[in-house]
């Protein structure tokens, strides 16, 4: 069961399920069909109970999308290519797969195996006449399956790079906007100075006009990137916040113990709400990472809860650097530079709290912080609806 859970987790990392057809996958299916001189080939990924067809060349009705009744489910039980020369003379197989109404006679399939060894799906070829494949054909099908997995690995790497580039883009635009905005303001002031030379005033006006246009273009780029990044919806289910917090604390054990800190979860009972487990995990990981980063050695971070009317409020209190009133006002503004810095020169890109705010907003909740001032610690509050 644990292996299957990890397999499904790996499959979801590729973000391939329920995606539209793509040319590279169709091309691989066409090549597979060509190698066997067969009219049908398809690429499938095996979810918990069903089969997702990513590419299909030929007759779709021959592909069973129920996991336990598909050739793909048999294929992922093996490490190598499997084939059946004539399914019609194998009544047990046809009965097991519920293929009594299918005209498939020949099947060959190569498992799609991740670098970690998880079998995620199959590259399959079928024919409505018996067929005896050569070893060369079977080897080429296996090579195409390996090529397909390289494509999937590249998919993950590319998406990670794009996300990193998106963050760098935001930071670069922010760094550009500051001096350009200053140029705009200064040129406007120069143009308004009494007794200024007409030529100087004209140049100042042009500088102001160009710099304003540049700021508008940068803002447009930021808006577009934000829309693309915020287009995902939470997948809500019944979750236990206490359990999520315990797992987050466990994942941060190395970081807080390196500073001889302790994290105390002062919550007696489970706290069940409807929320997105992954996004809630991400939310509290960011908040607790910040608490560890901005707290001194030999201090304690306390996590408490309070139940209100249809809401649950989680409080994370540290005894660290604290926040000024100005910091509290600018806390969730992107690229804002706060007065405090991590106590042990840990890295901080300034995007964590923006992500926290986004995750809370997706759950229609609230997040805020309270602090008595610098070096007096900070408490972050996350209020989430129970239903």
Protein backbone atom coordinates (compact mmCIF):
# COMPACT_ATOMS: atom_id res chain seq x y z
CA UNK A 1 0.00 0.00 0.00
CA UNK A 2 2.87 2.37 0.83
CA UNK A 3 4.51 1.65 -2.54
CA UNK A 4 1.24 2.41 -4.35
CA UNK A 5 0.87 5.67 -2.41
CA UNK A 6 4.38 6.70 -3.39
CA UNK A 7 3.72 5.66 -7.00
CA UNK A 8 0.62 7.85 -7.20
CA UNK A 9 2.53 10.71 -5.58
CA UNK A 10 5.25 10.43 -8.23
CA UNK A 11 2.66 10.27 -11.01
CA UNK A 12 1.09 13.52 -9.82
CA UNK A 13 4.48 15.23 -9.77
CA UNK A 14 4.52 15.03 -13.55
CA UNK A 15 1.20 16.96 -13.76
CA UNK A 16 0.24 14.82 -16.75
CA UNK A 17 -3.19 13.50 -15.71
CA UNK A 18 -6.21 15.01 -17.47
CA UNK A 19 -4.06 17.12 -19.79
CA UNK A 20 -4.96 17.64 -23.47
CA UNK A 21 -3.22 15.77 -26.32
CA UNK A 22 0.32 16.92 -27.13
CA UNK A 23 2.30 16.42 -30.33
CA UNK A 24 5.41 14.75 -28.77
CA UNK A 25 3.31 12.03 -27.12
CA UNK A 26 1.24 11.47 -30.27
CA UNK A 27 4.49 11.19 -32.25
CA UNK A 28 5.82 8.49 -29.91
CA UNK A 29 2.55 6.56 -30.28
CA UNK A 30 2.76 6.85 -34.10
CA UNK A 31 6.35 5.55 -34.03
CA UNK A 32 5.31 2.62 -31.83
CA UNK A 33 2.51 1.70 -34.24
CA UNK A 34 4.93 1.99 -37.17
CA UNK A 35 7.50 -0.30 -35.59
CA UNK A 36 4.92 -3.09 -35.33
CA UNK A 37 3.11 -2.17 -38.55
CA UNK A 38 -0.01 -1.96 -36.41
CA UNK A 39 -3.02 0.38 -36.72
CA UNK A 40 -3.31 1.03 -32.97
CA UNK A 41 -0.98 2.45 -30.32
CA UNK A 42 -1.60 4.42 -27.17
CA UNK A 43 0.03 5.92 -24.09
CA UNK A 44 -1.73 5.46 -20.77
CA UNK A 45 -1.08 6.56 -17.19
CA UNK A 46 -2.57 4.54 -14.37
CA UNK A 47 -4.31 6.51 -11.64
CA UNK A 48 -5.78 5.05 -8.45
CA UNK A 49 -8.86 3.48 -10.07
CA UNK A 50 -8.78 4.54 -13.70
CA UNK A 51 -6.66 4.83 -16.83
CA UNK A 52 -5.82 8.20 -18.38
CA UNK A 53 -5.19 8.06 -22.14
CA UNK A 54 -2.57 10.66 -23.02
CA UNK A 55 -2.14 9.67 -26.68
CA UNK A 56 -4.09 7.35 -28.95
CA UNK A 57 -3.53 6.28 -32.53
CA UNK A 58 -6.32 4.16 -33.94
CA UNK A 59 -9.46 2.76 -32.36
CA UNK A 60 -10.26 4.38 -28.96
CA UNK A 61 -13.11 1.99 -28.14
CA UNK A 62 -10.61 -0.84 -27.68
CA UNK A 63 -9.00 0.89 -24.68
CA UNK A 64 -10.57 -0.01 -21.35
CA UNK A 65 -10.28 2.91 -18.90
CA UNK A 66 -11.06 0.80 -15.82
CA UNK A 67 -7.78 0.04 -14.11
CA UNK A 68 -8.48 -3.57 -13.17
CA UNK A 69 -9.74 -4.44 -16.66
CA UNK A 70 -6.94 -2.98 -18.77
CA UNK A 71 -3.85 -4.37 -20.47
CA UNK A 72 -1.94 -1.43 -18.95
CA UNK A 73 -2.60 -2.77 -15.44
CA UNK A 74 -0.92 -6.03 -16.47
CA UNK A 75 1.98 -4.19 -18.12
CA UNK A 76 2.99 -2.30 -14.95
CA UNK A 77 3.34 -5.59 -13.09
CA UNK A 78 6.46 -6.28 -15.18
CA UNK A 79 9.83 -4.59 -15.58
CA UNK A 80 10.10 -5.43 -19.28
CA UNK A 81 7.94 -5.46 -22.39
CA UNK A 82 5.08 -7.96 -22.31
CA UNK A 83 3.15 -9.26 -25.33
CA UNK A 84 0.34 -11.63 -26.26
CA UNK A 85 0.43 -12.95 -29.82
CA UNK A 86 -3.25 -13.92 -29.90
CA UNK A 87 -5.57 -12.93 -27.08
CA UNK A 88 -8.44 -14.96 -28.59
CA UNK A 89 -6.79 -18.24 -27.62
CA UNK A 90 -6.35 -17.04 -24.02
CA UNK A 91 -9.90 -17.16 -22.61
CA UNK A 92 -8.76 -16.64 -19.01
CA UNK A 93 -7.02 -13.40 -19.98
CA UNK A 94 -10.01 -12.13 -21.95
CA UNK A 95 -12.34 -12.96 -19.09
CA UNK A 96 -10.10 -11.30 -16.49
CA UNK A 97 -9.80 -8.11 -18.51
CA UNK A 98 -13.47 -8.13 -19.56
CA UNK A 99 -12.53 -7.99 -23.24
CA UNK A 100 -15.27 -10.29 -24.47
CA UNK A 101 -16.59 -7.59 -26.85
CA UNK A 102 -13.17 -6.39 -28.03
CA UNK A 103 -11.60 -7.22 -31.38
CA UNK A 104 -8.04 -7.02 -30.00
CA UNK A 105 -6.00 -10.08 -30.95
CA UNK A 106 -2.41 -8.86 -30.45
CA UNK A 107 -1.02 -6.75 -27.59
CA UNK A 108 2.48 -5.50 -26.72
CA UNK A 109 3.20 -3.06 -23.90
CA UNK A 110 6.25 -1.44 -22.32
CA UNK A 111 5.97 -0.17 -18.74
CA UNK A 112 6.73 3.50 -18.13
CA UNK A 113 9.16 3.40 -15.21
CA UNK A 114 10.31 6.49 -13.31
CA UNK A 115 13.97 6.91 -12.26
CA UNK A 116 12.88 5.82 -8.77
CA UNK A 117 11.45 2.59 -10.16
CA UNK A 118 7.74 3.44 -9.97
CA UNK A 119 5.66 2.04 -12.84
CA UNK A 120 3.35 4.85 -13.90
CA UNK A 121 1.74 3.61 -17.11
CA UNK A 122 2.33 1.91 -20.42
CA UNK A 123 3.19 2.47 -24.06
CA UNK A 124 1.00 -0.07 -25.85
CA UNK A 125 0.47 -1.44 -29.35
CA UNK A 126 -2.54 -3.54 -30.42
CA UNK A 127 -3.79 -5.20 -33.59
CA UNK A 128 -7.00 -6.95 -34.58
CA UNK A 129 -5.04 -9.84 -36.09
CA UNK A 130 -2.54 -12.20 -34.40
CA UNK A 131 1.08 -11.09 -34.59
CA UNK A 132 4.47 -12.55 -33.67
CA UNK A 133 6.79 -9.66 -32.74
CA UNK A 134 10.54 -9.82 -33.26
CA UNK A 135 13.01 -9.14 -30.49
CA UNK A 136 14.07 -6.02 -32.36
CA UNK A 137 10.51 -4.67 -32.33
CA UNK A 138 10.18 -5.36 -28.60
CA UNK A 139 13.53 -3.67 -27.89
CA UNK A 140 12.52 -0.60 -29.90
CA UNK A 141 9.23 -0.37 -27.97
CA UNK A 142 11.22 -0.44 -24.72
CA UNK A 143 13.50 2.33 -26.03
CA UNK A 144 10.49 4.46 -26.96
CA UNK A 145 9.13 3.97 -23.41
CA UNK A 146 12.47 5.16 -22.00
CA UNK A 147 12.38 8.15 -24.34
CA UNK A 148 8.87 8.95 -23.13
CA UNK A 149 10.04 8.89 -19.50
CA UNK A 150 12.91 11.23 -20.36
CA UNK A 151 10.30 13.55 -21.84
CA UNK A 152 8.35 13.43 -18.56
CA UNK A 153 11.47 14.10 -16.49
CA UNK A 154 12.25 17.05 -18.74
CA UNK A 155 8.68 18.24 -18.14
CA UNK A 156 9.32 18.41 -14.37
CA UNK A 157 12.70 20.10 -14.78
CA UNK A 158 11.29 22.67 -17.22
CA UNK A 159 8.41 23.56 -14.93
CA UNK A 160 10.77 24.00 -11.97
CA UNK A 161 12.97 26.28 -14.07
CA UNK A 162 9.96 28.29 -15.25
CA UNK A 163 8.74 28.74 -11.70
CA UNK A 164 12.19 29.84 -10.56
CA UNK A 165 12.43 32.21 -13.51
CA UNK A 166 9.01 33.62 -12.64
CA UNK A 167 10.21 34.48 -9.12
CA UNK A 168 13.40 36.00 -10.50
CA UNK A 169 11.33 37.97 -13.00
CA UNK A 170 9.25 39.44 -10.19
CA UNK A 171 12.35 40.38 -8.23
CA UNK A 172 14.07 41.86 -11.28
CA UNK A 173 10.98 43.94 -12.17
CA UNK A 174 10.78 45.20 -8.62
CA UNK A 175 14.44 46.21 -8.69
CA UNK A 176 13.91 47.99 -12.02
CA UNK A 177 10.75 49.80 -10.95
CA UNK A 178 12.36 51.58 -8.01
CA UNK A 179 14.99 53.59 -9.96
CA UNK A 180 12.63 54.15 -12.91
CA UNK A 181 9.92 55.51 -10.60
CA UNK A 182 12.52 57.78 -9.00
CA UNK A 183 13.54 59.02 -12.47
CA UNK A 184 9.91 59.76 -13.27
CA UNK A 185 9.34 61.73 -10.08
CA UNK A 186 12.62 63.64 -10.33
CA UNK A 187 12.05 64.57 -13.98
CA UNK A 188 8.55 65.78 -13.10
CA UNK A 189 9.95 67.95 -10.32
CA UNK A 190 12.61 69.37 -12.65
CA UNK A 191 9.95 70.26 -15.22
CA UNK A 192 7.99 72.19 -12.58
CA UNK A 193 10.92 74.22 -11.26
CA UNK A 194 10.30 77.97 -11.69
CA UNK A 195 12.46 79.77 -14.25
CA UNK A 196 13.71 76.56 -15.82
CA UNK A 197 15.06 76.68 -19.35
CA UNK A 198 12.52 75.54 -21.98
CA UNK A 199 14.96 73.04 -23.48
CA UNK A 200 15.65 71.48 -20.08
CA UNK A 201 11.90 71.37 -19.34
CA UNK A 202 11.31 69.61 -22.67
CA UNK A 203 13.99 67.00 -21.95
CA UNK A 204 12.61 66.47 -18.44
CA UNK A 205 9.12 65.97 -19.89
CA UNK A 206 10.38 63.34 -22.34
CA UNK A 207 12.23 61.50 -19.58
CA UNK A 208 9.08 61.54 -17.46
CA UNK A 209 6.96 60.26 -20.35
CA UNK A 210 9.32 57.40 -21.22
CA UNK A 211 9.85 56.35 -17.60
CA UNK A 212 6.09 56.26 -16.96
CA UNK A 213 5.62 54.06 -20.02
CA UNK A 214 8.34 51.71 -18.77
CA UNK A 215 6.68 51.41 -15.35
CA UNK A 216 3.33 50.69 -17.02
CA UNK A 217 4.93 47.92 -19.11
CA UNK A 218 6.58 46.40 -16.05
CA UNK A 219 3.27 46.47 -14.15
CA UNK A 220 1.53 44.78 -17.07
CA UNK A 221 4.15 42.02 -17.05
CA UNK A 222 3.68 41.52 -13.31
CA UNK A 223 -0.11 41.39 -13.65
CA UNK A 224 0.11 38.77 -16.38
CA UNK A 225 2.50 36.61 -14.33
CA UNK A 226 0.28 36.87 -11.24
CA UNK A 227 -2.77 35.72 -13.21
CA UNK A 228 -0.91 32.70 -14.56
CA UNK A 229 0.44 31.78 -11.15
CA UNK A 230 -2.86 32.18 -9.35
CA UNK A 231 -4.99 30.13 -11.72
CA UNK A 232 -5.09 26.96 -9.58
CA UNK A 233 -7.96 25.91 -7.33
CA UNK A 234 -7.72 24.15 -3.96
CA UNK A 235 -8.61 20.44 -3.87
CA UNK A 236 -10.56 20.37 -0.61
CA UNK A 237 -11.11 17.34 1.58
CA UNK A 238 -11.52 16.68 5.30
CA UNK A 239 -8.12 17.22 6.93
CA UNK A 240 -6.75 17.35 10.46
CA UNK A 241 -4.83 20.58 11.05
CA UNK A 242 -3.09 19.16 14.11
CA UNK A 243 -1.79 16.26 12.03
CA UNK A 244 -0.58 18.65 9.30
CA UNK A 245 1.21 20.82 11.88
CA UNK A 246 2.87 17.78 13.45
CA UNK A 247 4.20 16.66 10.06
CA UNK A 248 5.46 20.16 9.25
CA UNK A 249 7.26 20.39 12.59
CA UNK A 250 8.81 16.99 11.97
CA UNK A 251 10.03 18.09 8.53
CA UNK A 252 11.74 21.15 10.08
CA UNK A 253 13.44 19.20 12.88
CA UNK A 254 16.96 19.55 11.48
CA UNK A 255 16.58 23.33 11.03
CA UNK A 256 15.26 24.19 14.49
CA UNK A 257 17.47 21.73 16.36
CA UNK A 258 20.52 23.25 14.65
CA UNK A 259 19.66 26.44 16.57
CA UNK A 260 18.78 24.51 19.74
CA UNK A 261 15.18 25.64 19.41
CA UNK A 262 12.01 23.76 20.29
CA UNK A 263 8.56 23.88 18.71
CA UNK A 264 5.64 23.12 21.02
CA UNK A 265 2.22 22.17 19.57
CA UNK A 266 -0.14 23.05 22.42
CA UNK A 267 -3.24 21.51 20.82
CA UNK A 268 -4.93 18.64 22.65
CA UNK A 269 -7.48 17.39 20.14
CA UNK A 270 -7.64 16.94 16.38
CA UNK A 271 -8.90 19.92 14.35
CA UNK A 272 -10.87 18.85 11.30
CA UNK A 273 -11.67 21.29 8.51
CA UNK A 274 -12.28 21.09 4.77
CA UNK A 275 -9.11 22.25 3.02
CA UNK A 276 -6.37 21.45 0.52
CA UNK A 277 -3.83 19.31 2.37
CA UNK A 278 -0.87 20.26 0.17
CA UNK A 279 -1.58 23.97 0.26
CA UNK A 280 -2.13 23.98 4.03
CA UNK A 281 1.13 22.10 4.46
CA UNK A 282 2.88 24.69 2.29
CA UNK A 283 1.26 27.52 4.26
CA UNK A 284 2.33 26.34 7.72
CA UNK A 285 5.76 25.24 6.46
CA UNK A 286 6.46 28.81 5.34
CA UNK A 287 5.24 30.32 8.61
CA UNK A 288 7.21 27.92 10.77
CA UNK A 289 10.33 28.27 8.62
CA UNK A 290 10.14 32.02 9.17
CA UNK A 291 9.69 31.51 12.92
CA UNK A 292 12.83 29.36 13.00
CA UNK A 293 14.84 31.74 10.79
CA UNK A 294 13.98 34.90 12.73
CA UNK A 295 14.28 33.43 16.24
CA UNK A 296 17.45 33.34 18.29
CA UNK A 297 19.07 30.13 19.54
CA UNK A 298 17.70 28.46 22.68
CA UNK A 299 14.17 29.81 22.18
CA UNK A 300 10.75 28.17 21.94
CA UNK A 301 8.11 28.51 19.24
CA UNK A 302 4.55 27.86 20.45
CA UNK A 303 1.59 26.74 18.33
CA UNK A 304 -1.89 27.12 19.79
CA UNK A 305 -5.46 27.01 18.50
CA UNK A 306 -8.76 28.67 19.26
CA UNK A 307 -12.19 27.78 17.91
CA UNK A 308 -14.63 30.55 16.97
CA UNK A 309 -17.97 30.61 15.20
CA UNK A 310 -17.44 28.34 12.17
CA UNK A 311 -13.71 29.19 12.14
CA UNK A 312 -10.50 27.85 13.62
CA UNK A 313 -7.64 30.17 14.51
CA UNK A 314 -4.05 28.89 14.63
CA UNK A 315 -1.44 31.05 16.38
CA UNK A 316 2.31 30.62 15.85
CA UNK A 317 4.28 32.61 18.43
CA UNK A 318 8.05 33.00 18.38
CA UNK A 319 10.42 34.80 20.73
CA UNK A 320 12.55 36.24 17.99
CA UNK A 321 13.39 39.52 16.29
CA UNK A 322 9.87 40.94 16.31
CA UNK A 323 8.35 43.42 13.86
CA UNK A 324 7.99 47.18 13.89
CA UNK A 325 4.57 48.84 13.28
CA UNK A 326 5.82 49.75 9.78
CA UNK A 327 6.78 46.13 9.13
CA UNK A 328 3.31 44.95 10.17
CA UNK A 329 1.69 47.37 7.72
CA UNK A 330 3.83 46.13 4.81
CA UNK A 331 4.03 42.45 5.74
CA UNK A 332 2.12 40.99 2.78
CA UNK A 333 3.25 43.41 0.11
CA UNK A 334 5.41 41.68 -2.48
CA UNK A 335 9.14 42.52 -2.46
CA UNK A 336 8.81 44.60 0.70
CA UNK A 337 12.08 44.85 2.63
CA UNK A 338 11.40 44.41 6.37
CA UNK A 339 13.62 45.74 9.13
CA UNK A 340 14.42 42.31 10.56
CA UNK A 341 16.82 39.72 9.12
CA UNK A 342 17.34 36.00 9.85
CA UNK A 343 19.40 35.49 13.01
CA UNK A 344 21.94 33.07 11.48
CA UNK A 345 22.20 34.53 7.97
CA UNK A 346 19.69 32.02 6.59
CA UNK A 347 18.47 32.69 3.06
CA UNK A 348 15.23 34.63 2.59
CA UNK A 349 13.83 35.63 -0.82
CA UNK A 350 10.94 37.75 0.46
CA UNK A 351 8.30 35.68 -1.33
CA UNK A 352 7.27 33.29 1.47
CA UNK A 353 4.64 35.47 3.13
CA UNK A 354 3.10 36.31 -0.25
CA UNK A 355 2.67 32.57 -0.81
CA UNK A 356 1.14 32.23 2.66
CA UNK A 357 -1.37 35.00 1.90
CA UNK A 358 -2.25 33.32 -1.41
CA UNK A 359 -2.84 29.94 0.26
CA UNK A 360 -5.02 31.51 2.97
CA UNK A 361 -7.02 33.50 0.41
CA UNK A 362 -7.68 30.30 -1.56
CA UNK A 363 -9.29 28.91 1.59
CA UNK A 364 -11.29 32.13 2.12
CA UNK A 365 -9.47 32.70 5.40
CA UNK A 366 -7.46 35.47 7.06
CA UNK A 367 -3.84 35.87 8.06
CA UNK A 368 -2.20 38.61 10.10
CA UNK A 369 0.62 39.19 12.56
CA UNK A 370 1.01 40.93 15.91
CA UNK A 371 4.20 42.09 17.59
CA UNK A 372 5.08 44.39 20.47
CA UNK A 373 8.09 45.62 18.53
CA UNK A 374 11.66 44.80 17.57
CA UNK A 375 13.26 41.99 19.63
CA UNK A 376 9.91 41.25 21.28
CA UNK A 377 8.79 38.31 19.19
CA UNK A 378 5.97 37.89 16.69
CA UNK A 379 2.71 35.96 16.59
CA UNK A 380 1.18 34.98 13.24
CA UNK A 381 -2.51 34.16 13.17
CA UNK A 382 -4.20 32.03 10.51
CA UNK A 383 -8.00 31.92 10.61
CA UNK A 384 -9.68 29.30 8.43
CA UNK A 385 -13.33 28.35 7.95
CA UNK A 386 -14.17 24.93 9.36
CA UNK A 387 -16.42 24.04 6.38
